[in-house]
Structures are given as C-alpha cells and as structure tokens.
Amino acid sequence: MISTKHRLKRGLVEYVMKKGSLLTTDLFVVKYLHQDKDDIPRFTVVTSVKLSKKAVERNAVKKKIYEAIRLQMPEKLPLYIAIVPKKHVLDVKYEKIETDITNLFKKLQKNG
C-alpha cells in the first residue's frame, strides 16, 4: 500500500475522472490532472464490477498495482492520478504490471 499522503481523496477522484486528461497503456486507462498544491503525486486505483464480479480478484489487482506504484513512484510529480485497470490485467503476472506502471510514469513525466 502507498502512504496516506500519496492517496487521492474521494471527492477529488470524481473531479479527476470528470476533468482529467486521458492516457492509456496496455493494462490501464489513466486519468490525470495537474495540481498546484505541492509536488507530491496522489493516486487512486478504481476497480468496478466490470473488472470482475469477485471482490477478492478486484482487491488482489488493487494490491498489485499499489505495490508497483509504491516501488516505482517518482519523487516529484505534481499530478492527481486515477488508474482504471483493463479487464485483461487479471491474467497477467506482477512483473508485467510493474513494467507497465514504469512506462506510465515515464509518459506522465513527459506530459506533465
């Protein structure tokens, strides 16, 4: 899990999903929004019943993504980021998730 200072609060999640810019990778759809408060990136992983009907599977995907974020997170990235996993993320190994998160951060640093 990531620390609470890196988590996106519930009210901001809806705002980012509505107003944020879109970025896609092989495994994720990402909505991000620039923030002016500080240089700390804030994240959330949004999983719905569309991903899997089983809560156990949705929670396992969330844990894998949060762990990859924790290990690959850049120090300064002034963005609010909402990550929505695609359905086939259930079938891939953790290493693929980690490389996709790494590529995502590279794209975000170029855009942001």
C-alpha atoms as a PDB file:
ATOM      1  CA  MET A   1       0.000   0.000   0.000  1.00  0.00           C
ATOM      2  CA  ILE A   2       1.065   3.557  -0.518  1.00  0.00           C
ATOM      3  CA  SER A   3       1.131   6.072   2.298  1.00  0.00           C
ATOM      4  CA  THR A   4      -1.882   8.263   3.003  1.00  0.00           C
ATOM      5  CA  LYS A   5      -0.079  11.386   1.787  1.00  0.00           C
ATOM      6  CA  HIS A   6       0.072   9.772  -1.680  1.00  0.00           C
ATOM      7  CA  ARG A   7      -3.591   8.739  -1.798  1.00  0.00           C
ATOM      8  CA  LEU A   8      -6.201  10.676  -3.688  1.00  0.00           C
ATOM      9  CA  LYS A   9      -9.197  11.634  -1.548  1.00  0.00           C
ATOM     10  CA  ARG A  10     -12.680  10.513  -2.541  1.00  0.00           C
ATOM     11  CA  GLY A  11     -14.010  13.933  -3.539  1.00  0.00           C
ATOM     12  CA  LEU A  12     -11.048  14.533  -5.812  1.00  0.00           C
ATOM     13  CA  VAL A  13     -11.440  11.165  -7.528  1.00  0.00           C
ATOM     14  CA  GLU A  14     -14.735  12.208  -9.116  1.00  0.00           C
ATOM     15  CA  TYR A  15     -13.220  15.550 -10.139  1.00  0.00           C
ATOM     16  CA  VAL A  16     -10.190  13.895 -11.759  1.00  0.00           C
ATOM     17  CA  MET A  17     -12.378  11.344 -13.562  1.00  0.00           C
ATOM     18  CA  LYS A  18     -14.557  14.128 -14.943  1.00  0.00           C
ATOM     19  CA  LYS A  19     -11.981  16.858 -15.764  1.00  0.00           C
ATOM     20  CA  GLY A  20      -8.720  14.920 -16.152  1.00  0.00           C
ATOM     21  CA  SER A  21      -6.711  14.166 -19.277  1.00  0.00           C
ATOM     22  CA  LEU A  22      -6.745  10.623 -20.637  1.00  0.00           C
ATOM     23  CA  LEU A  23      -3.759   8.343 -21.125  1.00  0.00           C
ATOM     24  CA  THR A  24      -3.848   4.645 -21.982  1.00  0.00           C
ATOM     25  CA  THR A  25      -1.328   1.841 -21.656  1.00  0.00           C
ATOM     26  CA  ASP A  26      -1.561  -1.878 -22.375  1.00  0.00           C
ATOM     27  CA  LEU A  27      -3.144  -2.627 -18.999  1.00  0.00           C
ATOM     28  CA  PHE A  28      -4.582   0.673 -17.755  1.00  0.00           C
ATOM     29  CA  VAL A  29      -6.722   3.658 -18.574  1.00  0.00           C
ATOM     30  CA  VAL A  30      -5.344   6.639 -16.665  1.00  0.00           C
ATOM     31  CA  LYS A  31      -6.969   9.963 -15.903  1.00  0.00           C
ATOM     32  CA  TYR A  32      -4.625  12.633 -14.567  1.00  0.00           C
ATOM     33  CA  LEU A  33      -4.900  16.248 -13.579  1.00  0.00           C
ATOM     34  CA  HIS A  34      -2.205  18.799 -12.769  1.00  0.00           C
ATOM     35  CA  GLN A  35      -2.237  20.127  -9.223  1.00  0.00           C
ATOM     36  CA  ASP A  36      -0.726  23.297  -7.804  1.00  0.00           C
ATOM     37  CA  LYS A  37      -0.613  22.496  -4.070  1.00  0.00           C
ATOM     38  CA  ASP A  38       2.658  20.552  -3.914  1.00  0.00           C
ATOM     39  CA  ASP A  39       4.948  18.215  -5.861  1.00  0.00           C
ATOM     40  CA  ILE A  40       3.635  15.050  -4.210  1.00  0.00           C
ATOM     41  CA  PRO A  41       1.819  12.734  -6.646  1.00  0.00           C
ATOM     42  CA  ARG A  42      -1.535  11.407  -5.427  1.00  0.00           C
ATOM     43  CA  PHE A  43      -3.002   8.134  -6.697  1.00  0.00           C
ATOM     44  CA  THR A  44      -6.096   6.012  -6.634  1.00  0.00           C
ATOM     45  CA  VAL A  45      -6.945   2.726  -8.307  1.00  0.00           C
ATOM     46  CA  VAL A  46     -10.559   2.441  -9.418  1.00  0.00           C
ATOM     47  CA  THR A  47     -11.898  -1.088  -9.857  1.00  0.00           C
ATOM     48  CA  SER A  48     -15.509  -1.830 -10.642  1.00  0.00           C
ATOM     49  CA  VAL A  49     -17.652  -4.907 -11.027  1.00  0.00           C
ATOM     50  CA  LYS A  50     -16.916  -4.669 -14.761  1.00  0.00           C
ATOM     51  CA  LEU A  51     -13.367  -5.817 -13.969  1.00  0.00           C
ATOM     52  CA  SER A  52     -14.508  -8.860 -12.009  1.00  0.00           C
ATOM     53  CA  LYS A  53     -17.602  -9.815 -10.097  1.00  0.00           C
ATOM     54  CA  LYS A  54     -15.431 -11.252  -7.335  1.00  0.00           C
ATOM     55  CA  ALA A  55     -14.232  -8.715  -4.776  1.00  0.00           C
ATOM     56  CA  VAL A  56     -11.256 -10.940  -3.974  1.00  0.00           C
ATOM     57  CA  GLU A  57      -9.961 -10.600  -7.539  1.00  0.00           C
ATOM     58  CA  ARG A  58     -10.575  -6.828  -7.638  1.00  0.00           C
ATOM     59  CA  ASN A  59      -8.737  -6.348  -4.342  1.00  0.00           C
ATOM     60  CA  ALA A  60      -5.813  -8.512  -5.485  1.00  0.00           C
ATOM     61  CA  VAL A  61      -5.435  -6.364  -8.611  1.00  0.00           C
ATOM     62  CA  LYS A  62      -5.535  -3.203  -6.500  1.00  0.00           C
ATOM     63  CA  LYS A  63      -2.831  -4.510  -4.173  1.00  0.00           C
ATOM     64  CA  LYS A  64      -0.550  -5.420  -7.068  1.00  0.00           C
ATOM     65  CA  ILE A  65      -0.999  -2.001  -8.681  1.00  0.00           C
ATOM     66  CA  TYR A  66      -0.454  -0.092  -5.429  1.00  0.00           C
ATOM     67  CA  GLU A  67       2.699  -2.098  -4.738  1.00  0.00           C
ATOM     68  CA  ALA A  68       4.058  -1.351  -8.219  1.00  0.00           C
ATOM     69  CA  ILE A  69       3.246   2.337  -7.682  1.00  0.00           C
ATOM     70  CA  ARG A  70       4.989   2.353  -4.313  1.00  0.00           C
ATOM     71  CA  LEU A  71       8.163   0.861  -5.768  1.00  0.00           C
ATOM     72  CA  GLN A  72       8.272   2.952  -8.974  1.00  0.00           C
ATOM     73  CA  MET A  73       6.873   6.285  -7.751  1.00  0.00           C
ATOM     74  CA  PRO A  74       8.853   9.379  -8.773  1.00  0.00           C
ATOM     75  CA  GLU A  75       9.747  11.880  -6.049  1.00  0.00           C
ATOM     76  CA  LYS A  76       8.247  14.941  -7.733  1.00  0.00           C
ATOM     77  CA  LEU A  77       5.258  14.654  -9.996  1.00  0.00           C
ATOM     78  CA  PRO A  78       2.571  17.305  -9.364  1.00  0.00           C
ATOM     79  CA  LEU A  79      -0.389  15.240 -10.571  1.00  0.00           C
ATOM     80  CA  TYR A  80      -3.575  13.670  -9.326  1.00  0.00           C
ATOM     81  CA  ILE A  81      -3.739  10.233 -10.952  1.00  0.00           C
ATOM     82  CA  ALA A  82      -6.660   7.796 -11.189  1.00  0.00           C
ATOM     83  CA  ILE A  83      -5.793   4.378 -12.621  1.00  0.00           C
ATOM     84  CA  VAL A  84      -8.518   2.150 -14.036  1.00  0.00           C
ATOM     85  CA  PRO A  85      -7.268  -1.361 -14.875  1.00  0.00           C
ATOM     86  CA  LYS A  86      -8.433  -3.054 -18.057  1.00  0.00           C
ATOM     87  CA  LYS A  87     -10.062  -6.481 -17.844  1.00  0.00           C
ATOM     88  CA  HIS A  88      -7.056  -8.495 -19.047  1.00  0.00           C
ATOM     89  CA  VAL A  89      -4.957  -7.252 -16.090  1.00  0.00           C
ATOM     90  CA  LEU A  90      -6.442 -10.233 -14.219  1.00  0.00           C
ATOM     91  CA  ASP A  91      -4.486 -12.644 -16.440  1.00  0.00           C
ATOM     92  CA  VAL A  92      -1.015 -11.050 -16.347  1.00  0.00           C
ATOM     93  CA  LYS A  93       1.804 -11.531 -13.883  1.00  0.00           C
ATOM     94  CA  TYR A  94       3.000  -8.891 -11.443  1.00  0.00           C
ATOM     95  CA  GLU A  95       6.159  -8.179 -13.460  1.00  0.00           C
ATOM     96  CA  LYS A  96       4.060  -7.048 -16.446  1.00  0.00           C
ATOM     97  CA  ILE A  97       2.050  -4.735 -14.172  1.00  0.00           C
ATOM     98  CA  GLU A  98       5.270  -3.286 -12.783  1.00  0.00           C
ATOM     99  CA  THR A  99       6.764  -2.605 -16.219  1.00  0.00           C
ATOM    100  CA  ASP A 100       3.501  -1.018 -17.379  1.00  0.00           C
ATOM    101  CA  ILE A 101       3.481   1.261 -14.306  1.00  0.00           C
ATOM    102  CA  THR A 102       7.103   2.215 -15.015  1.00  0.00           C
ATOM    103  CA  ASN A 103       6.221   3.100 -18.620  1.00  0.00           C
ATOM    104  CA  LEU A 104       3.200   5.019 -17.364  1.00  0.00           C
ATOM    105  CA  PHE A 105       5.365   7.181 -15.099  1.00  0.00           C
ATOM    106  CA  LYS A 106       7.727   7.901 -17.985  1.00  0.00           C
ATOM    107  CA  LYS A 107       4.795   9.057 -20.134  1.00  0.00           C
ATOM    108  CA  LEU A 108       3.385  11.169 -17.315  1.00  0.00           C
ATOM    109  CA  GLN A 109       6.725  12.882 -16.711  1.00  0.00           C
ATOM    110  CA  LYS A 110       6.904  13.784 -20.416  1.00  0.00           C
ATOM    111  CA  ASN A 111       3.335  15.119 -20.405  1.00  0.00           C
ATOM    112  CA  GLY A 112       3.453  16.752 -17.004  1.00  0.00           C
END
